[in-house]
N, C-alpha and C. Protein backbone atom coordinates (compact mmCIF):
# COMPACT_ATOMS: atom_id res chain seq x y z
N UNK A 1 2.46 21.30 -2.41
CA UNK A 1 2.87 21.73 -0.98
C UNK A 1 3.66 22.96 -1.24
N UNK A 2 4.33 22.97 -2.38
CA UNK A 2 5.51 23.96 -2.27
C UNK A 2 4.67 25.30 -2.88
N UNK A 3 3.80 24.94 -3.84
CA UNK A 3 2.91 26.47 -4.03
C UNK A 3 2.06 26.69 -2.83
N UNK A 4 1.49 25.89 -2.04
CA UNK A 4 0.60 26.55 -0.94
C UNK A 4 1.54 27.25 0.22
N UNK A 5 2.62 26.59 0.39
CA UNK A 5 3.53 27.48 1.31
C UNK A 5 4.31 28.82 0.93
N UNK A 6 4.19 28.77 -0.74
CA UNK A 6 4.69 30.02 -1.12
C UNK A 6 3.54 31.03 -0.90
N UNK A 7 2.20 30.42 -1.31
CA UNK A 7 1.16 31.31 -0.96
C UNK A 7 0.77 31.92 0.30
N UNK A 8 1.13 31.17 1.29
CA UNK A 8 0.94 31.41 2.65
C UNK A 8 2.07 32.53 3.06
N UNK A 9 3.46 32.27 2.84
CA UNK A 9 4.50 33.43 2.73
C UNK A 9 4.08 34.49 2.44
N UNK A 10 3.58 34.72 1.18
CA UNK A 10 3.41 35.81 0.50
C UNK A 10 2.11 36.49 1.19
N UNK A 11 1.20 35.85 1.84
CA UNK A 11 0.16 36.36 2.68
C UNK A 11 0.60 37.11 3.88
N UNK A 12 1.48 36.43 4.64
CA UNK A 12 2.03 36.64 5.88
C UNK A 12 3.00 38.14 5.39
N UNK A 13 3.63 38.17 4.53
CA UNK A 13 4.65 39.14 3.99
C UNK A 13 3.64 40.41 4.11
N UNK A 14 2.65 40.18 3.16
CA UNK A 14 1.56 41.13 2.78
C UNK A 14 0.90 41.64 4.03
N UNK A 15 0.72 40.90 5.02
CA UNK A 15 -0.02 41.26 6.34
C UNK A 15 0.97 42.00 7.29
N UNK A 16 2.31 41.96 7.05
CA UNK A 16 3.12 42.63 8.07
C UNK A 16 3.53 41.58 9.09
N UNK A 17 3.40 40.27 8.80
CA UNK A 17 3.69 39.45 10.10
C UNK A 17 5.26 39.35 10.25
N UNK A 18 5.82 39.55 11.52
CA UNK A 18 7.24 39.62 11.49
C UNK A 18 7.72 38.16 11.46
N UNK A 19 8.92 38.07 11.34
CA UNK A 19 9.62 36.74 11.06
C UNK A 19 9.61 35.79 12.06
N UNK A 20 10.01 36.38 13.32
CA UNK A 20 9.82 35.56 14.66
C UNK A 20 8.26 35.07 15.00
N UNK A 21 7.52 36.07 14.70
CA UNK A 21 6.08 35.64 14.98
C UNK A 21 5.62 34.32 14.13
N UNK A 22 5.95 34.23 12.73
CA UNK A 22 5.74 33.54 11.74
C UNK A 22 6.46 32.09 12.05
N UNK A 23 7.80 32.31 12.48
CA UNK A 23 8.58 30.97 12.73
C UNK A 23 7.95 30.43 14.02
N UNK A 24 7.39 31.02 15.15
CA UNK A 24 7.03 30.68 16.32
C UNK A 24 5.64 29.79 15.92
N UNK A 25 4.80 30.49 15.19
CA UNK A 25 3.30 29.81 15.00
C UNK A 25 3.52 28.71 14.15
N UNK A 26 4.69 28.78 13.19
CA UNK A 26 4.71 27.35 12.64
C UNK A 26 5.31 26.24 13.42
N UNK A 27 6.14 26.66 14.22
CA UNK A 27 6.92 25.42 15.14
C UNK A 27 5.87 24.96 16.04
N UNK A 28 4.87 26.04 16.72
CA UNK A 28 3.81 25.56 17.53
C UNK A 28 2.86 24.70 16.82
N UNK A 29 2.39 25.01 15.82
CA UNK A 29 1.50 24.08 15.12
C UNK A 29 2.12 22.91 14.62
N UNK A 30 3.47 22.79 14.23
CA UNK A 30 4.13 21.75 13.80
C UNK A 30 4.19 20.78 15.08
N UNK A 31 4.60 21.29 16.04
CA UNK A 31 4.75 20.54 17.48
C UNK A 31 3.52 19.87 17.84
N UNK A 32 2.47 20.89 17.85
CA UNK A 32 1.11 20.07 18.05
C UNK A 32 0.73 19.02 17.39
N UNK A 33 0.95 19.05 15.89
CA UNK A 33 0.29 18.12 15.28
C UNK A 33 1.06 16.77 15.23
N UNK A 34 2.43 16.76 15.47
CA UNK A 34 3.17 15.80 15.77
C UNK A 34 2.62 15.13 16.92
N UNK A 35 2.65 15.96 18.22
CA UNK A 35 1.99 15.48 19.57
C UNK A 35 0.87 14.81 19.68
N UNK A 36 -0.15 15.18 18.67
CA UNK A 36 -1.27 14.73 18.54
C UNK A 36 -1.15 13.13 18.03
N UNK A 37 -0.49 13.22 16.93
CA UNK A 37 -0.26 11.96 16.03
C UNK A 37 0.60 10.80 17.01
N UNK A 38 1.28 11.29 17.93
CA UNK A 38 1.95 10.41 19.00
C UNK A 38 1.08 10.33 20.13
N UNK A 39 -0.06 10.55 20.16
CA UNK A 39 -0.95 10.40 21.31
C UNK A 39 -0.56 11.02 22.61
N UNK A 40 0.28 12.35 22.59
CA UNK A 40 0.85 12.88 23.57
C UNK A 40 2.05 12.25 24.01
N UNK A 41 2.74 11.37 23.37
CA UNK A 41 3.91 10.73 24.04
C UNK A 41 5.03 11.55 23.73
N UNK A 42 5.42 12.17 24.44
CA UNK A 42 6.57 13.21 24.06
C UNK A 42 7.97 12.43 23.66
N UNK A 43 8.30 11.34 23.97
CA UNK A 43 9.50 10.72 23.66
C UNK A 43 9.38 10.30 21.93
N UNK A 44 8.17 9.73 21.59
CA UNK A 44 8.05 9.54 20.22
C UNK A 44 7.96 10.78 19.47
N UNK A 45 7.15 11.75 19.97
CA UNK A 45 7.10 13.02 19.14
C UNK A 45 8.44 13.48 19.08
N UNK A 46 9.47 13.55 19.96
CA UNK A 46 10.78 14.21 19.90
C UNK A 46 11.42 13.30 18.90
N UNK A 47 11.38 12.16 18.83
CA UNK A 47 11.90 11.24 17.75
C UNK A 47 11.36 11.48 16.28
N UNK A 48 10.16 11.70 16.08
CA UNK A 48 9.65 12.14 14.93
C UNK A 48 10.08 13.46 14.47
N UNK A 49 10.24 14.51 15.40
CA UNK A 49 10.53 15.66 15.13
C UNK A 49 12.12 15.76 14.72
N UNK A 50 12.79 14.90 15.33
CA UNK A 50 14.30 14.92 15.34
C UNK A 50 14.96 15.75 16.26
N UNK A 51 14.40 16.09 17.49
CA UNK A 51 14.85 16.88 18.79
C UNK A 51 14.72 15.98 19.77
N UNK A 52 15.64 16.46 20.78
CA UNK A 52 15.68 15.80 22.09
C UNK A 52 14.69 15.94 22.82
N UNK A 53 14.14 15.03 23.68
CA UNK A 53 12.87 15.12 24.39
C UNK A 53 12.96 16.18 25.43
N UNK A 54 14.08 16.51 26.07
CA UNK A 54 14.10 17.78 26.80
C UNK A 54 13.80 19.16 26.04
N UNK A 55 14.12 19.10 24.65
CA UNK A 55 13.86 20.44 23.93
C UNK A 55 12.62 20.47 23.64
N UNK A 56 11.76 19.35 23.41
CA UNK A 56 10.54 19.43 23.07
C UNK A 56 9.45 19.68 24.21
N UNK A 57 9.99 18.91 25.45
CA UNK A 57 9.49 19.64 26.81
C UNK A 57 9.32 21.01 26.95
N UNK A 58 10.44 21.57 26.64
CA UNK A 58 11.03 23.04 26.90
C UNK A 58 9.95 24.12 25.99
N UNK A 59 9.64 23.33 24.79
CA UNK A 59 8.78 24.29 23.78
C UNK A 59 7.34 23.79 24.05
N UNK A 60 7.06 22.58 24.74
CA UNK A 60 5.67 22.59 25.06
C UNK A 60 5.27 23.58 26.18
N UNK A 61 6.34 23.51 26.87
CA UNK A 61 6.07 24.73 28.17
C UNK A 61 6.04 26.27 27.59
N UNK A 62 6.86 26.33 26.70
CA UNK A 62 7.04 27.84 26.14
C UNK A 62 5.66 28.09 25.27
N UNK A 63 5.11 27.20 24.43
CA UNK A 63 3.74 27.30 23.61
C UNK A 63 2.65 26.96 24.53
N UNK A 64 2.76 26.53 25.50
CA UNK A 64 1.61 26.23 26.58
C UNK A 64 0.95 25.12 25.65
N UNK A 65 1.48 24.09 25.11
CA UNK A 65 0.76 22.85 24.65
C UNK A 65 0.45 21.89 25.62
N UNK A 66 0.71 22.04 26.50
CA UNK A 66 0.52 20.87 27.79
C UNK A 66 -1.03 20.68 27.85
N UNK A 67 -1.28 19.74 27.91
CA UNK A 67 -2.88 19.17 28.30
C UNK A 67 -2.87 17.88 28.76
N UNK A 68 -4.11 17.41 29.47
CA UNK A 68 -4.13 16.19 29.99
C UNK A 68 -3.84 15.09 29.14
N UNK A 69 -3.85 15.38 27.84
CA UNK A 69 -3.66 14.04 26.77
C UNK A 69 -2.34 14.24 26.22
N UNK A 70 -1.40 15.23 26.63
CA UNK A 70 0.00 15.21 26.37
C UNK A 70 0.85 15.07 27.56
N UNK A 71 1.56 13.86 27.73
CA UNK A 71 2.13 13.74 28.82
C UNK A 71 3.56 13.15 28.44
N UNK A 72 4.49 12.96 29.32
CA UNK A 72 5.78 12.46 29.27
C UNK A 72 5.73 11.13 29.42
N UNK A 73 6.72 10.26 28.37
CA UNK A 73 6.91 8.55 28.71
C UNK A 73 8.19 8.63 28.41
């Protein structure tokens, strides 16, 4: 996995992707994947992510991840 990440970082740098954009995209996809695995249960997803549920809720709004399958519990 380390080699894959290194390759991805190299591609992003070569394409001129800004740091904030890269971090935001990673965070968005990471949160979405954990939410999907938690079947939309924000409390469970927040626990897996190691963040407070309110922080997760704020990030869901920020990244527009809310859907009918993702709800608060």
